[in-house]
Amino acid sequence: MTAAEVLKPPAVPAGTTRRIPVGVRLTWLHLCSRRVPAGVLAFAVCGAVLHAALHWHWTFNSGPYAQQVPMIIEAGAASAIAVTAHSPFGETERSAGRWLPYLRLFAVCGPRTRLSDDS
């Protein structure tokens, strides 16, 4: 018994493989590296669950927990977007330029507005 048959690649008849244009393949590989298909799927699931929650009245009518179910679903959608936008190379950090630390500092220390007059 020899291993010669194992080392040879399987013969593929001519014309049976699909030729995908290079631009389409590169775009698909880039989107897969950014986890876009999984993010779109998670975003669609969150939208369907939110639609079901609002249609079948899964929320409380009043009180402090009245908007908790929709907010949990919206947080899931936001986390799916954040995971999809992540890059191991820090491109979002570089695209904002040198002003990003100052913008973050202003967002934390900047003026706050009151959303309601419940004083």
N, C-alpha and C. Protein backbone atom coordinates (compact mmCIF):
# COMPACT_ATOMS: atom_id res chain seq x y z
N MET A 1 0.85 -1.17 0.00
CA MET A 1 0.00 0.00 0.00
C MET A 1 0.90 1.23 0.00
N THR A 2 0.60 2.18 -0.87
CA THR A 2 1.39 3.41 -0.96
C THR A 2 0.49 4.61 -0.72
N ALA A 3 1.13 5.73 -0.45
CA ALA A 3 0.39 6.96 -0.20
C ALA A 3 0.36 7.85 -1.42
N ALA A 4 0.70 7.33 -2.57
CA ALA A 4 0.73 8.13 -3.79
C ALA A 4 -0.65 8.67 -4.15
N GLU A 5 -1.68 7.88 -3.91
CA GLU A 5 -3.02 8.35 -4.24
C GLU A 5 -3.47 9.48 -3.31
N VAL A 6 -2.95 9.47 -2.09
CA VAL A 6 -3.34 10.49 -1.12
C VAL A 6 -2.71 11.83 -1.46
N LEU A 7 -1.50 11.83 -1.97
CA LEU A 7 -0.78 13.06 -2.24
C LEU A 7 -1.27 13.77 -3.49
N LYS A 8 -1.93 13.09 -4.39
CA LYS A 8 -2.42 13.72 -5.61
C LYS A 8 -3.72 14.47 -5.33
N PRO A 9 -3.85 15.69 -5.85
CA PRO A 9 -5.12 16.40 -5.69
C PRO A 9 -6.20 15.72 -6.53
N PRO A 10 -7.43 15.78 -6.09
CA PRO A 10 -8.50 15.17 -6.87
C PRO A 10 -8.66 15.91 -8.20
N ALA A 11 -8.90 15.17 -9.23
CA ALA A 11 -9.07 15.76 -10.56
C ALA A 11 -10.45 16.38 -10.66
N VAL A 12 -10.47 17.63 -11.07
CA VAL A 12 -11.74 18.34 -11.26
C VAL A 12 -11.92 18.55 -12.75
N PRO A 13 -13.01 18.09 -13.29
CA PRO A 13 -13.24 18.29 -14.73
C PRO A 13 -13.29 19.78 -15.06
N ALA A 14 -12.81 20.14 -16.23
CA ALA A 14 -12.78 21.54 -16.66
C ALA A 14 -14.20 22.08 -16.77
N GLY A 15 -14.39 23.29 -16.30
CA GLY A 15 -15.68 23.96 -16.41
C GLY A 15 -16.64 23.68 -15.27
N THR A 16 -16.25 22.89 -14.26
CA THR A 16 -17.17 22.62 -13.17
C THR A 16 -17.00 23.60 -12.01
N THR A 17 -15.89 24.32 -11.96
CA THR A 17 -15.70 25.28 -10.89
C THR A 17 -16.29 26.62 -11.31
N ARG A 18 -16.86 27.32 -10.35
CA ARG A 18 -17.43 28.64 -10.63
C ARG A 18 -16.33 29.68 -10.54
N ARG A 19 -16.32 30.58 -11.45
CA ARG A 19 -15.36 31.67 -11.44
C ARG A 19 -16.05 32.90 -10.87
N ILE A 20 -15.61 33.35 -9.72
CA ILE A 20 -16.17 34.53 -9.07
C ILE A 20 -15.25 35.70 -9.40
N PRO A 21 -15.81 36.84 -9.81
CA PRO A 21 -14.95 37.99 -10.09
C PRO A 21 -14.13 38.37 -8.86
N VAL A 22 -12.92 38.86 -9.10
CA VAL A 22 -11.99 39.15 -8.02
C VAL A 22 -12.54 40.22 -7.08
N GLY A 23 -13.16 41.26 -7.62
CA GLY A 23 -13.69 42.34 -6.78
C GLY A 23 -14.78 41.86 -5.85
N VAL A 24 -15.64 41.00 -6.36
CA VAL A 24 -16.73 40.46 -5.54
C VAL A 24 -16.15 39.58 -4.43
N ARG A 25 -15.17 38.75 -4.79
CA ARG A 25 -14.57 37.87 -3.79
C ARG A 25 -13.84 38.67 -2.71
N LEU A 26 -13.10 39.70 -3.09
CA LEU A 26 -12.40 40.52 -2.11
C LEU A 26 -13.38 41.27 -1.21
N THR A 27 -14.46 41.76 -1.79
CA THR A 27 -15.48 42.44 -0.99
C THR A 27 -16.11 41.47 0.00
N TRP A 28 -16.42 40.26 -0.45
CA TRP A 28 -17.01 39.26 0.44
C TRP A 28 -16.05 38.88 1.56
N LEU A 29 -14.77 38.71 1.24
CA LEU A 29 -13.78 38.37 2.26
C LEU A 29 -13.62 39.51 3.27
N HIS A 30 -13.66 40.75 2.78
CA HIS A 30 -13.56 41.89 3.69
C HIS A 30 -14.76 41.95 4.63
N LEU A 31 -15.95 41.74 4.08
CA LEU A 31 -17.16 41.76 4.92
C LEU A 31 -17.15 40.62 5.92
N CYS A 32 -16.67 39.45 5.50
CA CYS A 32 -16.59 38.32 6.44
C CYS A 32 -15.56 38.57 7.53
N SER A 33 -14.45 39.25 7.21
CA SER A 33 -13.46 39.54 8.24
C SER A 33 -13.99 40.53 9.26
N ARG A 34 -14.94 41.36 8.86
CA ARG A 34 -15.57 42.32 9.78
C ARG A 34 -16.80 41.73 10.46
N ARG A 35 -17.11 40.49 10.23
CA ARG A 35 -18.25 39.79 10.81
C ARG A 35 -19.58 40.45 10.44
N VAL A 36 -19.66 40.98 9.24
CA VAL A 36 -20.88 41.65 8.79
C VAL A 36 -22.04 40.67 8.61
N PRO A 37 -21.85 39.49 8.00
CA PRO A 37 -23.01 38.59 7.87
C PRO A 37 -23.62 38.21 9.21
N ALA A 38 -22.79 37.94 10.21
CA ALA A 38 -23.32 37.61 11.54
C ALA A 38 -23.99 38.83 12.17
N GLY A 39 -23.43 40.01 11.95
CA GLY A 39 -24.04 41.23 12.48
C GLY A 39 -25.38 41.53 11.86
N VAL A 40 -25.50 41.32 10.56
CA VAL A 40 -26.78 41.55 9.88
C VAL A 40 -27.82 40.55 10.38
N LEU A 41 -27.40 39.31 10.55
CA LEU A 41 -28.32 38.30 11.08
C LEU A 41 -28.77 38.64 12.49
N ALA A 42 -27.84 39.04 13.36
CA ALA A 42 -28.19 39.42 14.73
C ALA A 42 -29.10 40.65 14.74
N PHE A 43 -28.83 41.60 13.85
CA PHE A 43 -29.65 42.80 13.76
C PHE A 43 -31.07 42.46 13.31
N ALA A 44 -31.21 41.54 12.36
CA ALA A 44 -32.53 41.11 11.90
C ALA A 44 -33.28 40.36 12.99
N VAL A 45 -32.58 39.54 13.75
CA VAL A 45 -33.23 38.81 14.85
C VAL A 45 -33.71 39.79 15.92
N CYS A 46 -32.88 40.78 16.25
CA CYS A 46 -33.30 41.77 17.25
C CYS A 46 -34.51 42.56 16.75
N GLY A 47 -34.54 42.89 15.47
CA GLY A 47 -35.69 43.59 14.91
C GLY A 47 -36.96 42.75 14.96
N ALA A 48 -36.83 41.47 14.66
CA ALA A 48 -38.00 40.58 14.71
C ALA A 48 -38.51 40.41 16.13
N VAL A 49 -37.59 40.27 17.08
CA VAL A 49 -38.01 40.13 18.48
C VAL A 49 -38.65 41.42 18.98
N LEU A 50 -38.11 42.58 18.60
CA LEU A 50 -38.71 43.85 19.00
C LEU A 50 -40.10 44.00 18.39
N HIS A 51 -40.25 43.60 17.13
CA HIS A 51 -41.57 43.67 16.50
C HIS A 51 -42.56 42.75 17.23
N ALA A 52 -42.13 41.55 17.57
CA ALA A 52 -43.01 40.62 18.29
C ALA A 52 -43.35 41.16 19.68
N ALA A 53 -42.38 41.77 20.35
CA ALA A 53 -42.62 42.31 21.69
C ALA A 53 -43.63 43.45 21.65
N LEU A 54 -43.55 44.28 20.64
CA LEU A 54 -44.49 45.39 20.54
C LEU A 54 -45.85 44.93 20.03
N HIS A 55 -45.87 43.91 19.19
CA HIS A 55 -47.14 43.42 18.64
C HIS A 55 -47.95 42.66 19.68
N TRP A 56 -47.29 41.82 20.46
CA TRP A 56 -47.99 41.00 21.44
C TRP A 56 -47.93 41.56 22.86
N HIS A 57 -47.52 42.81 23.01
CA HIS A 57 -47.55 43.54 24.29
C HIS A 57 -46.82 42.79 25.39
N TRP A 58 -45.52 42.54 25.17
CA TRP A 58 -44.71 41.88 26.18
C TRP A 58 -44.27 42.85 27.28
N THR A 59 -44.55 44.12 27.13
CA THR A 59 -44.08 45.12 28.09
C THR A 59 -45.14 45.41 29.13
N PHE A 60 -44.70 46.04 30.21
CA PHE A 60 -45.64 46.49 31.24
C PHE A 60 -46.33 47.76 30.75
N ASN A 61 -47.53 48.02 31.28
CA ASN A 61 -48.27 49.20 30.85
C ASN A 61 -47.72 50.48 31.44
N SER A 62 -47.26 50.43 32.67
CA SER A 62 -46.72 51.63 33.31
C SER A 62 -45.74 51.21 34.39
N GLY A 63 -45.11 52.19 34.97
CA GLY A 63 -44.16 51.90 36.03
C GLY A 63 -42.72 51.98 35.55
N PRO A 64 -41.81 51.68 36.45
CA PRO A 64 -40.39 51.83 36.09
C PRO A 64 -39.91 50.79 35.08
N TYR A 65 -40.61 49.69 34.90
CA TYR A 65 -40.18 48.64 33.97
C TYR A 65 -40.95 48.68 32.65
N ALA A 66 -41.62 49.78 32.37
CA ALA A 66 -42.48 49.85 31.19
C ALA A 66 -41.70 49.74 29.88
N GLN A 67 -40.49 50.25 29.85
CA GLN A 67 -39.71 50.22 28.62
C GLN A 67 -38.50 49.31 28.71
N GLN A 68 -38.46 48.42 29.67
CA GLN A 68 -37.28 47.60 29.87
C GLN A 68 -37.09 46.57 28.76
N VAL A 69 -38.13 45.89 28.33
CA VAL A 69 -38.01 44.87 27.28
C VAL A 69 -37.53 45.48 25.97
N PRO A 70 -38.13 46.58 25.48
CA PRO A 70 -37.61 47.18 24.24
C PRO A 70 -36.17 47.69 24.39
N MET A 71 -35.81 48.20 25.55
CA MET A 71 -34.45 48.69 25.73
C MET A 71 -33.43 47.54 25.74
N ILE A 72 -33.79 46.39 26.27
CA ILE A 72 -32.88 45.24 26.25
C ILE A 72 -32.68 44.77 24.82
N ILE A 73 -33.74 44.76 24.03
CA ILE A 73 -33.63 44.34 22.63
C ILE A 73 -32.81 45.35 21.84
N GLU A 74 -33.01 46.63 22.09
CA GLU A 74 -32.23 47.66 21.41
C GLU A 74 -30.77 47.59 21.81
N ALA A 75 -30.48 47.25 23.05
CA ALA A 75 -29.08 47.08 23.48
C ALA A 75 -28.43 45.91 22.77
N GLY A 76 -29.20 44.85 22.52
CA GLY A 76 -28.67 43.73 21.75
C GLY A 76 -28.32 44.14 20.33
N ALA A 77 -29.17 44.94 19.72
CA ALA A 77 -28.89 45.42 18.36
C ALA A 77 -27.67 46.34 18.36
N ALA A 78 -27.55 47.20 19.36
CA ALA A 78 -26.39 48.08 19.44
C ALA A 78 -25.10 47.30 19.66
N SER A 79 -25.16 46.24 20.45
CA SER A 79 -23.96 45.44 20.65
C SER A 79 -23.58 44.68 19.39
N ALA A 80 -24.57 44.27 18.60
CA ALA A 80 -24.26 43.62 17.31
C ALA A 80 -23.56 44.59 16.37
N ILE A 81 -23.99 45.83 16.36
CA ILE A 81 -23.34 46.84 15.54
C ILE A 81 -21.92 47.10 16.04
N ALA A 82 -21.73 47.16 17.36
CA ALA A 82 -20.41 47.41 17.91
C ALA A 82 -19.44 46.27 17.60
N VAL A 83 -19.92 45.04 17.68
CA VAL A 83 -19.06 43.90 17.38
C VAL A 83 -18.71 43.88 15.89
N THR A 84 -19.64 44.24 15.04
CA THR A 84 -19.38 44.25 13.61
C THR A 84 -18.41 45.36 13.23
N ALA A 85 -18.48 46.50 13.90
CA ALA A 85 -17.62 47.63 13.56
C ALA A 85 -16.21 47.50 14.14
N HIS A 86 -15.97 46.50 14.96
CA HIS A 86 -14.65 46.33 15.56
C HIS A 86 -13.62 45.95 14.51
N SER A 87 -12.44 46.47 14.65
CA SER A 87 -11.35 46.12 13.75
C SER A 87 -10.12 45.82 14.59
N PRO A 88 -9.41 44.74 14.29
CA PRO A 88 -8.20 44.45 15.06
C PRO A 88 -7.08 45.44 14.80
N PHE A 89 -7.22 46.27 13.78
CA PHE A 89 -6.17 47.21 13.42
C PHE A 89 -6.42 48.61 13.96
N GLY A 90 -7.53 48.85 14.61
CA GLY A 90 -7.83 50.16 15.17
C GLY A 90 -8.12 51.21 14.12
N GLU A 91 -8.74 50.83 13.03
CA GLU A 91 -8.98 51.78 11.96
C GLU A 91 -9.97 52.86 12.36
N THR A 92 -10.91 52.55 13.22
CA THR A 92 -11.84 53.60 13.64
C THR A 92 -11.12 54.64 14.49
N GLU A 93 -10.11 54.21 15.22
CA GLU A 93 -9.33 55.16 16.00
C GLU A 93 -8.50 56.06 15.09
N ARG A 94 -7.91 55.50 14.06
CA ARG A 94 -7.08 56.29 13.17
C ARG A 94 -7.89 57.20 12.26
N SER A 95 -9.11 56.79 11.92
CA SER A 95 -9.91 57.62 11.01
C SER A 95 -10.38 58.90 11.69
N ALA A 96 -10.50 58.89 13.01
CA ALA A 96 -10.94 60.08 13.72
C ALA A 96 -9.81 61.09 13.89
N GLY A 97 -8.58 60.65 13.69
CA GLY A 97 -7.45 61.56 13.76
C GLY A 97 -7.01 61.84 15.18
N ARG A 98 -6.24 62.89 15.31
CA ARG A 98 -5.63 63.19 16.61
C ARG A 98 -6.60 63.84 17.59
N TRP A 99 -7.80 64.22 17.13
CA TRP A 99 -8.74 64.92 17.99
C TRP A 99 -9.65 63.97 18.78
N LEU A 100 -9.59 62.67 18.53
CA LEU A 100 -10.48 61.73 19.20
C LEU A 100 -10.37 61.75 20.72
N PRO A 101 -9.17 61.77 21.33
CA PRO A 101 -9.12 61.83 22.80
C PRO A 101 -9.78 63.10 23.36
N TYR A 102 -9.64 64.21 22.65
CA TYR A 102 -10.25 65.46 23.12
C TYR A 102 -11.77 65.41 22.97
N LEU A 103 -12.24 64.79 21.90
CA LEU A 103 -13.69 64.65 21.73
C LEU A 103 -14.29 63.76 22.81
N ARG A 104 -13.59 62.69 23.16
CA ARG A 104 -14.07 61.83 24.24
C ARG A 104 -14.07 62.55 25.57
N LEU A 105 -13.03 63.32 25.83
CA LEU A 105 -12.97 64.09 27.07
C LEU A 105 -14.11 65.10 27.14
N PHE A 106 -14.39 65.78 26.04
CA PHE A 106 -15.49 66.74 26.02
C PHE A 106 -16.83 66.04 26.21
N ALA A 107 -16.99 64.85 25.66
CA ALA A 107 -18.24 64.12 25.82
C ALA A 107 -18.48 63.74 27.27
N VAL A 108 -17.40 63.46 28.00
CA VAL A 108 -17.55 63.08 29.40
C VAL A 108 -17.71 64.31 30.29
N CYS A 109 -16.90 65.32 30.05
CA CYS A 109 -16.90 66.50 30.93
C CYS A 109 -17.77 67.63 30.43
N GLY A 110 -18.30 67.52 29.25
CA GLY A 110 -19.07 68.60 28.65
C GLY A 110 -20.36 68.89 29.39
N PRO A 111 -21.08 69.91 28.94
CA PRO A 111 -22.33 70.28 29.60
C PRO A 111 -23.39 69.19 29.44
N ARG A 112 -24.12 69.00 30.48
CA ARG A 112 -25.20 68.01 30.47
C ARG A 112 -26.54 68.73 30.35
N THR A 113 -27.45 68.14 29.60
CA THR A 113 -28.78 68.71 29.50
C THR A 113 -29.74 67.82 30.23
N ARG A 114 -30.75 68.39 30.79
CA ARG A 114 -31.77 67.63 31.51
C ARG A 114 -32.83 67.20 30.53
N LEU A 115 -33.22 65.94 30.60
CA LEU A 115 -34.21 65.41 29.68
C LEU A 115 -35.63 65.66 30.17
N SER A 116 -35.81 65.81 31.46
CA SER A 116 -37.15 66.03 31.98
C SER A 116 -37.08 66.98 33.17
N ASP A 117 -38.21 67.53 33.51
CA ASP A 117 -38.29 68.46 34.64
C ASP A 117 -38.93 67.78 35.83
N ASP A 118 -38.46 66.61 36.20
CA ASP A 118 -39.00 65.88 37.34
C ASP A 118 -38.23 66.23 38.61
N SER A 119 -38.18 67.50 38.96
CA SER A 119 -37.42 67.87 40.16
C SER A 119 -38.25 67.92 41.39
